[in-house]
C-alpha atoms as a PDB file:
ATOM      1  CA  UNK A   1      92.075 113.389  93.384  1.00  0.00           C
ATOM      2  CA  UNK A   2      95.318 111.410  93.204  1.00  0.00           C
ATOM      3  CA  UNK A   3      96.556 108.906  90.635  1.00  0.00           C
ATOM      4  CA  UNK A   4      98.962 106.391  92.158  1.00  0.00           C
ATOM      5  CA  UNK A   5      99.578 102.668  92.646  1.00  0.00           C
ATOM      6  CA  UNK A   6      97.614 101.689  89.522  1.00  0.00           C
ATOM      7  CA  UNK A   7     100.781 101.782  87.404  1.00  0.00           C
ATOM      8  CA  UNK A   8     102.537  99.176  89.588  1.00  0.00           C
ATOM      9  CA  UNK A   9     102.361  95.396  89.581  1.00  0.00           C
ATOM     10  CA  UNK A  10     100.694  94.085  92.739  1.00  0.00           C
ATOM     11  CA  UNK A  11     103.818  92.109  93.645  1.00  0.00           C
ATOM     12  CA  UNK A  12     105.693  95.418  94.057  1.00  0.00           C
ATOM     13  CA  UNK A  13     102.929  96.955  96.171  1.00  0.00           C
ATOM     14  CA  UNK A  14     102.532  93.896  98.425  1.00  0.00           C
ATOM     15  CA  UNK A  15     106.237  93.440  99.022  1.00  0.00           C
ATOM     16  CA  UNK A  16     108.277  95.523 101.431  1.00  0.00           C
ATOM     17  CA  UNK A  17     109.111  98.699  99.484  1.00  0.00           C
ATOM     18  CA  UNK A  18     112.488  98.915 101.238  1.00  0.00           C
ATOM     19  CA  UNK A  19     115.147  96.845  99.500  1.00  0.00           C
ATOM     20  CA  UNK A  20     118.839  96.416 100.236  1.00  0.00           C
ATOM     21  CA  UNK A  21     119.539  98.711  97.258  1.00  0.00           C
ATOM     22  CA  UNK A  22     117.008 101.404  98.208  1.00  0.00           C
ATOM     23  CA  UNK A  23     113.255 102.039  98.166  1.00  0.00           C
ATOM     24  CA  UNK A  24     110.610 101.218  95.563  1.00  0.00           C
ATOM     25  CA  UNK A  25     109.576 104.379  93.718  1.00  0.00           C
ATOM     26  CA  UNK A  26     105.888 105.267  93.897  1.00  0.00           C
ATOM     27  CA  UNK A  27     104.968 107.553  91.011  1.00  0.00           C
ATOM     28  CA  UNK A  28     101.929 109.732  91.618  1.00  0.00           C
ATOM     29  CA  UNK A  29     100.065 112.577  89.953  1.00  0.00           C
ATOM     30  CA  UNK A  30      97.984 115.260  91.646  1.00  0.00           C
ATOM     31  CA  UNK A  31      96.836 118.814  90.897  1.00  0.00           C
ATOM     32  CA  UNK A  32      96.633 120.197  94.437  1.00  0.00           C
ATOM     33  CA  UNK A  33      99.853 121.265  96.222  1.00  0.00           C
ATOM     34  CA  UNK A  34      98.442 120.505  99.681  1.00  0.00           C
ATOM     35  CA  UNK A  35      97.315 117.041  98.632  1.00  0.00           C
ATOM     36  CA  UNK A  36     100.716 116.563  96.954  1.00  0.00           C
ATOM     37  CA  UNK A  37     102.551 117.140 100.234  1.00  0.00           C
ATOM     38  CA  UNK A  38     100.127 114.951 102.206  1.00  0.00           C
ATOM     39  CA  UNK A  39     100.267 112.044  99.756  1.00  0.00           C
ATOM     40  CA  UNK A  40     104.054 112.261  99.436  1.00  0.00           C
ATOM     41  CA  UNK A  41     104.309 112.017 103.232  1.00  0.00           C
ATOM     42  CA  UNK A  42     101.866 109.076 103.214  1.00  0.00           C
ATOM     43  CA  UNK A  43     103.880 107.244 100.549  1.00  0.00           C
ATOM     44  CA  UNK A  44     107.114 107.855 102.435  1.00  0.00           C
ATOM     45  CA  UNK A  45     105.496 106.613 105.680  1.00  0.00           C
ATOM     46  CA  UNK A  46     104.630 103.366 103.866  1.00  0.00           C
ATOM     47  CA  UNK A  47     108.309 103.028 102.946  1.00  0.00           C
ATOM     48  CA  UNK A  48     108.088 104.081  99.298  1.00  0.00           C
ATOM     49  CA  UNK A  49     110.098 106.832  97.610  1.00  0.00           C
ATOM     50  CA  UNK A  50     107.206 109.030  96.461  1.00  0.00           C
ATOM     51  CA  UNK A  51     107.862 110.846  93.164  1.00  0.00           C
ATOM     52  CA  UNK A  52     105.452 113.450  91.788  1.00  0.00           C
ATOM     53  CA  UNK A  53     105.262 113.168  87.996  1.00  0.00           C
ATOM     54  CA  UNK A  54     103.003 116.166  87.458  1.00  0.00           C
ATOM     55  CA  UNK A  55      99.353 117.048  87.472  1.00  0.00           C
ATOM     56  CA  UNK A  56      96.577 114.582  86.804  1.00  0.00           C
ATOM     57  CA  UNK A  57      96.415 115.397  83.101  1.00  0.00           C
ATOM     58  CA  UNK A  58     100.126 115.237  82.277  1.00  0.00           C
ATOM     59  CA  UNK A  59     101.325 112.838  84.959  1.00  0.00           C
ATOM     60  CA  UNK A  60      98.287 110.634  84.588  1.00  0.00           C
ATOM     61  CA  UNK A  61      99.130 110.068  80.934  1.00  0.00           C
ATOM     62  CA  UNK A  62     102.593 108.864  81.896  1.00  0.00           C
ATOM     63  CA  UNK A  63     101.046 106.211  84.142  1.00  0.00           C
ATOM     64  CA  UNK A  64      98.092 105.123  82.017  1.00  0.00           C
ATOM     65  CA  UNK A  65      98.119 101.734  80.314  1.00  0.00           C
ATOM     66  CA  UNK A  66     100.809 101.808  77.661  1.00  0.00           C
ATOM     67  CA  UNK A  67     102.467 104.900  79.121  1.00  0.00           C
ATOM     68  CA  UNK A  68     106.197 105.008  79.879  1.00  0.00           C
ATOM     69  CA  UNK A  69     105.717 104.550  83.641  1.00  0.00           C
ATOM     70  CA  UNK A  70     103.241 101.660  83.468  1.00  0.00           C
ATOM     71  CA  UNK A  71     104.620  98.710  85.459  1.00  0.00           C
ATOM     72  CA  UNK A  72     108.043 100.342  85.641  1.00  0.00           C
ATOM     73  CA  UNK A  73     109.979  98.923  88.600  1.00  0.00           C
ATOM     74  CA  UNK A  74     112.325 101.623  89.889  1.00  0.00           C
ATOM     75  CA  UNK A  75     114.437 101.650  93.045  1.00  0.00           C
ATOM     76  CA  UNK A  76     115.651 104.939  94.512  1.00  0.00           C
ATOM     77  CA  UNK A  77     119.063 104.544  96.071  1.00  0.00           C
ATOM     78  CA  UNK A  78     119.115 106.238  99.461  1.00  0.00           C
END
């Protein structure tokens, strides 16, 4: 199981994740190392800068409604 995308406004998901300043960060949480690598590669292939924030329990709390990563718009400078 993966937690991702639900902490972002739709306008940031729909838009091109590559900006002139860098790439839109995609925070995600997962417990499985294999799934972590696969999802990170998937996010990068979509153009996002995939950032693992921890396992589902800890990382999921950061992204839940009212958490510090909810609707946070972050650009990773490449």
